[in-house]
Amino acid sequence: MPALDALILPRLAKLEAAGLRRRLAACDPSLVDVASNDYLGLSRHPLLIERACAWTKKHGAGSRASRLVAGTSEEVLALERKLARFKGCEAALIFASGFQLNSSVLPALLELGEKPLVFTDRLNHASLHAGLGSVRQIRFRHNDLAHLEELLERYPGPTRWIVTESVFSMDGDTADVAALSALAARHGAYLYLDEAHATGVLGPQGAGLSQGRATVTMGTLGKALGGAGAYVAGSRALIDWLVNRCAGFIYSTAPSPAAFGALEAALELVPQMEAERARLMQMAERLRKALKARGFDTLASTTQIVPAIFGEAQRALEAAQRLREAGLLAVAIRPPTVPAGSARLRFSLSAALTDAQFERLLTAVTRL
């Protein structure tokens, strides 16, 4: 049998030389975290921890099998109904992760209708591309709705989908969801909206930007909601179809009881966290101003995600190391996660940051 390492090691060396090799590193709890997606600080909230433990004690450490095999408790069904109300939809379905959801829900949707055409934003997340691997994507320029409309007029068809995000995870900018919804309606297209980075942070009571305007809405439970997993929301018929045809739901072990418990607590807390959301946006605006004063491009960021563009991967890595030496965890994002020539530091702020920690970040930024 040939040694697989002989194929792997040269590829790793090439990534290393380009500054693109990734490595797992042990967490340093002494660092101030401005890299993670715990936007409201709920991952360590006492109520989420308490409820996760309570669900674990009642239901066990694991879910034992898929929900179609081991069954679903009435508590989980009630939780999905509450999640659907939060999103302004008829029904919702919970998955173990956002990547699993996007990569399996989209193929199930593309079974519907004849020869579906899919129009996608060029900066969509990798999980959306994974879910659309079986079809040709007609890509429109990032957040350019005029270009999207031009493409919709150029490519008619009986079944057309627009697939995009509401908040883009690497740029921190937002899509015009109302205009997207109107455009989809005008051209008889369905709208699939990824709300992973909007859920809990933006919109009325933190319910996101979709507000019932998308045909299908998904989001994650492990970012602003502080736990783990993901959800898809829409009509009752949509959820029933996914229970029957979505491989990522049918053949996967259900999320752990602890994840359900954390979500139950988060749905109680998030609607009341207006002060935390306001402070989060104030911090983000101050950080953008500090970065711009140092000559950094923060793109079109208007959210809690603030990029600082360095261009070359090695420069971004060096900047991340300098911040680490200043006691801050900020990650260098490099291709292929972002387009070539746009390596960056991605600052991801949290309402859990103290005033002193945030001032420490601003001081470190002025020294870059």
Protein backbone atom coordinates (compact mmCIF):
# COMPACT_ATOMS: atom_id res chain seq x y z
CA MET A 1 0.00 0.00 0.00
CA PRO A 2 1.49 3.41 -0.94
CA ALA A 3 2.17 5.88 1.86
CA LEU A 4 -0.49 8.59 1.84
CA ASP A 5 1.88 10.94 3.66
CA ALA A 6 3.97 11.14 0.48
CA LEU A 7 1.04 12.93 -1.17
CA ILE A 8 0.16 15.06 1.85
CA LEU A 9 3.52 16.44 3.01
CA PRO A 10 4.42 18.37 -0.19
CA ARG A 11 0.98 19.99 -0.15
CA LEU A 12 1.41 21.04 3.47
CA ALA A 13 4.83 22.47 2.66
CA LYS A 14 3.31 24.53 -0.15
CA LEU A 15 0.66 25.91 2.18
CA GLU A 16 3.35 26.72 4.74
CA ALA A 17 5.43 28.65 2.22
CA ALA A 18 2.39 30.73 1.21
CA GLY A 19 1.46 31.53 4.81
CA LEU A 20 -1.77 29.58 4.39
CA ARG A 21 -1.24 26.52 6.58
CA ARG A 22 -3.71 26.17 9.42
CA ARG A 23 -2.90 24.65 12.80
CA LEU A 24 -4.90 23.80 15.87
CA ALA A 25 -3.61 25.64 18.91
CA ALA A 26 -4.45 25.26 22.58
CA CYS A 27 -6.64 28.05 23.95
CA ASP A 28 -4.96 30.58 26.20
CA PRO A 29 -7.61 31.68 28.73
CA SER A 30 -5.54 34.73 29.67
CA LEU A 31 -6.15 36.33 26.26
CA VAL A 32 -9.01 38.76 25.69
CA ASP A 33 -11.12 37.06 23.03
CA VAL A 34 -12.04 39.34 20.12
CA ALA A 35 -12.15 36.49 17.60
CA SER A 36 -15.11 34.28 18.57
CA ASN A 37 -18.79 34.69 17.73
CA ASP A 38 -20.25 34.79 21.26
CA TYR A 39 -21.78 38.16 20.44
CA LEU A 40 -23.97 38.53 23.53
CA GLY A 41 -21.72 36.64 25.93
CA LEU A 42 -24.40 33.99 26.47
CA SER A 43 -22.08 30.98 26.23
CA ARG A 44 -21.12 31.60 29.87
CA HIS A 45 -24.43 32.99 31.09
CA PRO A 46 -25.52 31.25 34.32
CA LEU A 47 -29.03 30.55 33.03
CA LEU A 48 -27.77 28.78 29.89
CA ILE A 49 -25.38 26.68 31.95
CA GLU A 50 -28.07 25.86 34.49
CA ARG A 51 -30.62 24.89 31.84
CA ALA A 52 -28.07 22.83 29.86
CA CYS A 53 -27.28 20.89 33.03
CA ALA A 54 -30.97 20.41 33.83
CA TRP A 55 -31.71 19.00 30.37
CA THR A 56 -28.66 16.73 30.63
CA LYS A 57 -29.79 15.37 34.01
CA LYS A 58 -33.28 14.73 32.66
CA HIS A 59 -32.49 13.38 29.18
CA GLY A 60 -28.86 12.17 29.39
CA ALA A 61 -25.54 13.28 27.91
CA GLY A 62 -26.39 12.24 24.34
CA SER A 63 -29.41 12.00 22.09
CA ARG A 64 -28.70 8.32 21.22
CA ALA A 65 -29.82 8.45 17.59
CA SER A 66 -31.55 10.54 14.97
CA ARG A 67 -34.91 11.97 15.97
CA LEU A 68 -36.69 9.72 13.49
CA VAL A 69 -35.20 6.68 15.24
CA ALA A 70 -35.14 7.61 18.92
CA GLY A 71 -38.15 9.90 18.85
CA THR A 72 -38.56 13.53 19.87
CA SER A 73 -39.55 14.76 23.31
CA GLU A 74 -42.46 17.15 23.66
CA GLU A 75 -39.97 19.67 25.12
CA VAL A 76 -38.02 19.74 21.85
CA LEU A 77 -41.17 20.14 19.77
CA ALA A 78 -42.24 23.03 22.03
CA LEU A 79 -38.78 24.56 21.67
CA GLU A 80 -39.04 24.45 17.87
CA ARG A 81 -42.45 26.11 18.04
CA LYS A 82 -40.98 28.87 20.21
CA LEU A 83 -38.05 29.27 17.81
CA ALA A 84 -40.46 29.56 14.87
CA ARG A 85 -42.40 32.31 16.65
CA PHE A 86 -39.13 34.13 17.37
CA LYS A 87 -38.36 34.07 13.62
CA GLY A 88 -41.90 34.98 12.56
CA CYS A 89 -42.45 31.65 10.76
CA GLU A 90 -44.91 28.76 10.93
CA ALA A 91 -42.39 26.09 11.87
CA ALA A 92 -38.72 25.40 12.57
CA LEU A 93 -36.37 22.42 12.68
CA ILE A 94 -33.16 22.13 14.71
CA PHE A 95 -29.91 20.64 13.37
CA ALA A 96 -26.56 19.83 14.98
CA SER A 97 -24.56 22.50 13.09
CA GLY A 98 -24.89 25.24 10.54
CA PHE A 99 -22.58 23.58 8.03
CA GLN A 100 -24.56 20.35 8.27
CA LEU A 101 -27.78 22.29 7.75
CA ASN A 102 -26.77 24.32 4.70
CA SER A 103 -24.98 21.43 3.05
CA SER A 104 -28.03 19.16 3.33
CA VAL A 105 -31.09 21.43 3.30
CA LEU A 106 -30.19 23.05 -0.02
CA PRO A 107 -29.95 19.71 -1.91
CA ALA A 108 -33.36 18.74 -0.49
CA LEU A 109 -34.83 22.02 -1.76
CA LEU A 110 -33.27 21.60 -5.19
CA GLU A 111 -35.25 18.38 -5.64
CA LEU A 112 -38.33 20.59 -5.94
CA GLY A 113 -39.37 22.03 -9.29
CA GLU A 114 -37.88 21.57 -12.74
CA LYS A 115 -34.23 22.34 -13.52
CA PRO A 116 -33.74 24.83 -10.69
CA LEU A 117 -31.51 27.85 -11.25
CA VAL A 118 -29.57 29.22 -8.27
CA PHE A 119 -28.36 32.82 -7.96
CA THR A 120 -25.74 33.32 -5.26
CA ASP A 121 -23.76 36.18 -3.75
CA ARG A 122 -20.06 35.84 -4.57
CA LEU A 123 -19.09 36.07 -0.89
CA ASN A 124 -21.44 33.39 0.42
CA HIS A 125 -20.20 31.11 3.19
CA ALA A 126 -18.50 27.81 2.33
CA SER A 127 -21.42 25.82 3.74
CA LEU A 128 -23.75 27.37 1.17
CA HIS A 129 -21.36 26.48 -1.64
CA ALA A 130 -21.17 22.93 -0.25
CA GLY A 131 -24.94 22.63 -0.35
CA LEU A 132 -25.01 23.80 -3.96
CA GLY A 133 -22.22 21.56 -5.18
CA SER A 134 -24.52 19.65 -7.54
CA VAL A 135 -25.73 22.69 -9.48
CA ARG A 136 -24.21 25.54 -11.41
CA GLN A 137 -24.27 28.74 -9.39
CA ILE A 138 -25.10 31.99 -11.19
CA ARG A 139 -23.10 34.37 -9.03
CA PHE A 140 -23.88 38.05 -8.64
CA ARG A 141 -21.49 40.71 -7.43
CA HIS A 142 -21.45 41.06 -3.66
CA ASN A 143 -24.63 42.78 -2.45
CA ASP A 144 -25.20 44.17 -5.95
CA LEU A 145 -28.94 43.84 -6.46
CA ALA A 146 -28.86 45.59 -9.82
CA HIS A 147 -26.51 42.87 -11.06
CA LEU A 148 -28.75 40.21 -9.52
CA GLU A 149 -31.80 41.61 -11.31
CA GLU A 150 -29.87 41.69 -14.57
CA LEU A 151 -29.04 38.00 -14.12
CA LEU A 152 -32.62 37.11 -13.19
CA GLU A 153 -33.81 38.74 -16.41
CA ARG A 154 -31.11 36.96 -18.42
CA TYR A 155 -31.82 33.49 -17.01
CA PRO A 156 -35.58 32.77 -16.87
CA GLY A 157 -36.84 29.49 -15.49
CA PRO A 158 -39.74 27.89 -13.66
CA THR A 159 -37.82 27.31 -10.42
CA ARG A 160 -35.28 29.89 -9.29
CA TRP A 161 -33.57 30.40 -5.94
CA ILE A 162 -31.68 33.39 -4.56
CA VAL A 163 -29.23 32.22 -1.90
CA THR A 164 -27.43 34.75 0.28
CA GLU A 165 -26.52 35.81 3.81
CA SER A 166 -28.05 38.63 5.83
CA VAL A 167 -24.76 39.42 7.61
CA PHE A 168 -21.55 38.37 5.87
CA SER A 169 -19.25 36.67 8.32
CA MET A 170 -15.90 37.91 6.97
CA ASP A 171 -16.85 41.46 5.90
CA GLY A 172 -19.38 42.40 8.57
CA ASP A 173 -21.75 44.05 6.12
CA THR A 174 -25.44 43.36 5.60
CA ALA A 175 -27.70 42.51 2.70
CA ASP A 176 -30.78 44.63 1.98
CA VAL A 177 -33.24 41.89 2.90
CA ALA A 178 -36.36 43.92 2.16
CA ALA A 179 -35.10 44.77 -1.33
CA LEU A 180 -34.02 41.15 -1.88
CA SER A 181 -37.47 39.92 -0.90
CA ALA A 182 -39.16 42.40 -3.24
CA LEU A 183 -36.80 41.44 -6.06
CA ALA A 184 -37.49 37.74 -5.52
CA ALA A 185 -41.25 38.36 -5.55
CA ARG A 186 -41.00 40.46 -8.71
CA HIS A 187 -39.20 37.68 -10.56
CA GLY A 188 -41.04 34.70 -9.08
CA ALA A 189 -37.94 33.43 -7.24
CA TYR A 190 -37.55 31.82 -3.83
CA LEU A 191 -35.24 33.45 -1.25
CA TYR A 192 -32.96 31.36 0.99
CA LEU A 193 -31.42 33.52 3.71
CA ASP A 194 -28.54 32.58 6.02
CA GLU A 195 -28.97 34.52 9.29
CA ALA A 196 -26.11 32.90 11.22
CA HIS A 197 -24.49 36.21 12.20
CA ALA A 198 -27.69 38.26 12.49
CA THR A 199 -29.70 36.00 14.79
CA GLY A 200 -29.68 37.40 18.31
CA VAL A 201 -27.92 40.62 17.30
CA LEU A 202 -29.98 42.48 14.69
CA GLY A 203 -33.64 43.12 14.04
CA PRO A 204 -36.56 43.49 16.46
CA GLN A 205 -35.71 41.73 19.75
CA GLY A 206 -32.64 40.25 18.04
CA ALA A 207 -34.76 38.07 15.77
CA GLY A 208 -32.60 38.84 12.72
CA LEU A 209 -33.20 40.71 9.49
CA SER A 210 -35.46 38.23 7.71
CA GLN A 211 -38.65 39.13 9.63
CA GLY A 212 -40.60 36.55 7.64
CA ARG A 213 -39.52 37.96 4.27
CA ALA A 214 -37.53 34.92 3.11
CA THR A 215 -38.94 31.67 1.77
CA VAL A 216 -36.42 29.75 3.88
CA THR A 217 -34.42 31.17 6.77
CA MET A 218 -31.59 29.46 8.60
CA GLY A 219 -29.37 30.51 11.45
CA THR A 220 -27.03 29.12 14.07
CA LEU A 221 -27.49 28.55 17.79
CA GLY A 222 -23.80 28.63 18.70
CA LYS A 223 -23.04 32.30 18.05
CA ALA A 224 -25.18 35.02 19.65
CA LEU A 225 -27.49 32.39 21.16
CA GLY A 226 -24.55 30.94 23.08
CA GLY A 227 -25.13 27.21 22.67
CA ALA A 228 -24.70 24.83 19.75
CA GLY A 229 -26.56 23.78 16.63
CA ALA A 230 -28.60 25.48 13.92
CA TYR A 231 -32.19 25.96 12.81
CA VAL A 232 -34.16 26.27 9.60
CA ALA A 233 -37.50 28.10 9.64
CA GLY A 234 -40.32 28.58 7.16
CA SER A 235 -43.69 27.07 6.37
CA ARG A 236 -45.06 23.91 8.00
CA ALA A 237 -44.91 22.17 4.62
CA LEU A 238 -41.21 23.10 4.27
CA ILE A 239 -40.33 21.52 7.60
CA ASP A 240 -42.37 18.40 6.82
CA TRP A 241 -40.51 18.07 3.49
CA LEU A 242 -37.12 18.35 5.21
CA VAL A 243 -38.07 15.71 7.78
CA ASN A 244 -38.73 13.39 4.83
CA ARG A 245 -35.96 14.36 2.37
CA CYS A 246 -33.09 16.16 4.15
CA ALA A 247 -30.25 13.65 4.58
CA GLY A 248 -28.45 15.80 7.16
CA PHE A 249 -31.49 15.58 9.43
CA ILE A 250 -32.64 12.04 8.69
CA TYR A 251 -29.28 10.29 9.09
CA SER A 252 -27.61 12.35 11.85
CA THR A 253 -27.73 11.93 15.59
CA ALA A 254 -29.82 14.69 17.12
CA PRO A 255 -28.14 17.54 19.04
CA SER A 256 -27.36 16.84 22.67
CA PRO A 257 -29.94 17.59 25.37
CA ALA A 258 -27.53 20.19 26.75
CA ALA A 259 -27.76 22.12 23.46
CA PHE A 260 -31.56 22.10 23.62
CA GLY A 261 -31.46 23.32 27.21
CA ALA A 262 -29.11 26.18 26.35
CA LEU A 263 -31.40 27.22 23.49
CA GLU A 264 -34.44 27.23 25.77
CA ALA A 265 -32.67 29.67 28.09
CA ALA A 266 -31.35 31.82 25.23
CA LEU A 267 -34.82 32.28 23.75
CA GLU A 268 -35.96 33.64 27.12
CA LEU A 269 -33.04 36.07 27.41
CA VAL A 270 -32.32 37.37 23.90
CA PRO A 271 -35.51 39.40 23.30
CA GLN A 272 -34.75 41.42 26.46
CA MET A 273 -31.11 42.23 25.61
CA GLU A 274 -31.56 45.55 23.81
CA ALA A 275 -28.96 47.31 25.99
CA GLU A 276 -26.35 44.65 25.19
CA ARG A 277 -27.08 44.88 21.47
CA ALA A 278 -26.79 48.67 21.54
CA ARG A 279 -23.46 48.55 23.40
CA LEU A 280 -22.15 45.93 20.97
CA MET A 281 -22.85 48.20 18.00
CA GLN A 282 -21.32 51.21 19.77
CA MET A 283 -18.11 49.26 20.38
CA ALA A 284 -18.00 48.14 16.76
CA GLU A 285 -18.34 51.71 15.51
CA ARG A 286 -15.55 52.92 17.81
CA LEU A 287 -13.30 50.10 16.60
CA ARG A 288 -13.98 50.93 12.95
CA LYS A 289 -13.07 54.57 13.60
CA ALA A 290 -9.84 53.58 15.37
CA LEU A 291 -8.84 51.27 12.52
CA LYS A 292 -9.66 53.83 9.84
CA ALA A 293 -7.60 56.41 11.72
CA ARG A 294 -4.62 54.06 11.33
CA GLY A 295 -5.29 53.73 7.59
CA PHE A 296 -6.98 50.32 7.65
CA ASP A 297 -9.78 49.42 5.26
CA THR A 298 -12.76 48.00 7.20
CA LEU A 299 -14.75 47.39 4.00
CA ALA A 300 -18.49 48.05 4.36
CA SER A 301 -18.77 46.70 7.90
CA THR A 302 -21.72 48.02 9.90
CA THR A 303 -22.08 45.18 12.40
CA GLN A 304 -20.27 43.52 15.30
CA ILE A 305 -17.85 41.95 12.78
CA VAL A 306 -15.05 44.38 11.89
CA PRO A 307 -12.33 43.41 9.36
CA ALA A 308 -8.97 45.13 9.07
CA ILE A 309 -7.50 44.42 5.64
CA PHE A 310 -3.77 43.64 5.37
CA GLY A 311 -3.72 42.10 1.90
CA GLU A 312 -0.86 39.63 2.25
CA ALA A 313 -1.39 36.56 4.42
CA GLN A 314 1.97 36.89 6.17
CA ARG A 315 1.27 40.50 7.19
CA ALA A 316 -2.05 39.47 8.73
CA LEU A 317 -0.36 36.63 10.62
CA GLU A 318 2.28 39.00 11.98
CA ALA A 319 -0.38 41.46 13.11
CA ALA A 320 -2.30 38.70 14.89
CA GLN A 321 0.90 37.72 16.69
CA ARG A 322 1.50 41.31 17.80
CA LEU A 323 -1.98 41.47 19.25
CA ARG A 324 -1.45 38.15 20.97
CA GLU A 325 1.65 39.59 22.60
CA ALA A 326 -0.58 42.43 23.80
CA GLY A 327 -2.91 39.88 25.39
CA LEU A 328 -5.59 39.81 22.67
CA LEU A 329 -6.90 36.92 20.58
CA ALA A 330 -7.64 38.11 17.05
CA VAL A 331 -7.39 35.71 14.12
CA ALA A 332 -5.76 36.24 10.73
CA ILE A 333 -8.25 35.22 8.05
CA ARG A 334 -6.54 34.14 4.83
CA PRO A 335 -7.47 32.68 1.46
CA PRO A 336 -9.38 30.59 0.52
CA THR A 337 -11.72 31.77 3.29
CA VAL A 338 -11.47 35.28 1.82
CA PRO A 339 -10.52 36.32 -1.74
CA ALA A 340 -6.84 36.36 -2.70
CA GLY A 341 -5.10 39.58 -1.70
CA SER A 342 -7.60 40.38 1.06
CA ALA A 343 -6.10 38.63 4.10
CA ARG A 344 -7.28 40.36 7.23
CA LEU A 345 -7.71 40.45 10.94
CA ARG A 346 -11.33 39.70 11.74
CA PHE A 347 -12.46 41.34 14.95
CA SER A 348 -15.61 39.75 16.31
CA LEU A 349 -16.90 41.69 19.28
CA SER A 350 -18.94 40.56 22.26
CA ALA A 351 -21.16 42.39 24.70
CA ALA A 352 -19.32 40.41 27.39
CA LEU A 353 -16.18 42.52 26.89
CA THR A 354 -15.61 44.82 29.83
CA ASP A 355 -14.92 48.50 29.25
CA ALA A 356 -11.31 47.92 30.29
CA GLN A 357 -10.88 45.03 27.85
CA PHE A 358 -12.33 47.04 24.99
CA GLU A 359 -10.08 50.02 25.74
CA ARG A 360 -7.16 47.60 25.74
CA LEU A 361 -8.17 46.52 22.24
CA LEU A 362 -8.37 50.13 21.02
CA THR A 363 -4.93 50.86 22.45
CA ALA A 364 -3.43 47.81 20.76
CA VAL A 365 -5.04 48.76 17.44
CA THR A 366 -3.46 52.23 17.51
CA ARG A 367 -0.05 50.54 17.81
CA LEU A 368 -0.43 48.25 14.79
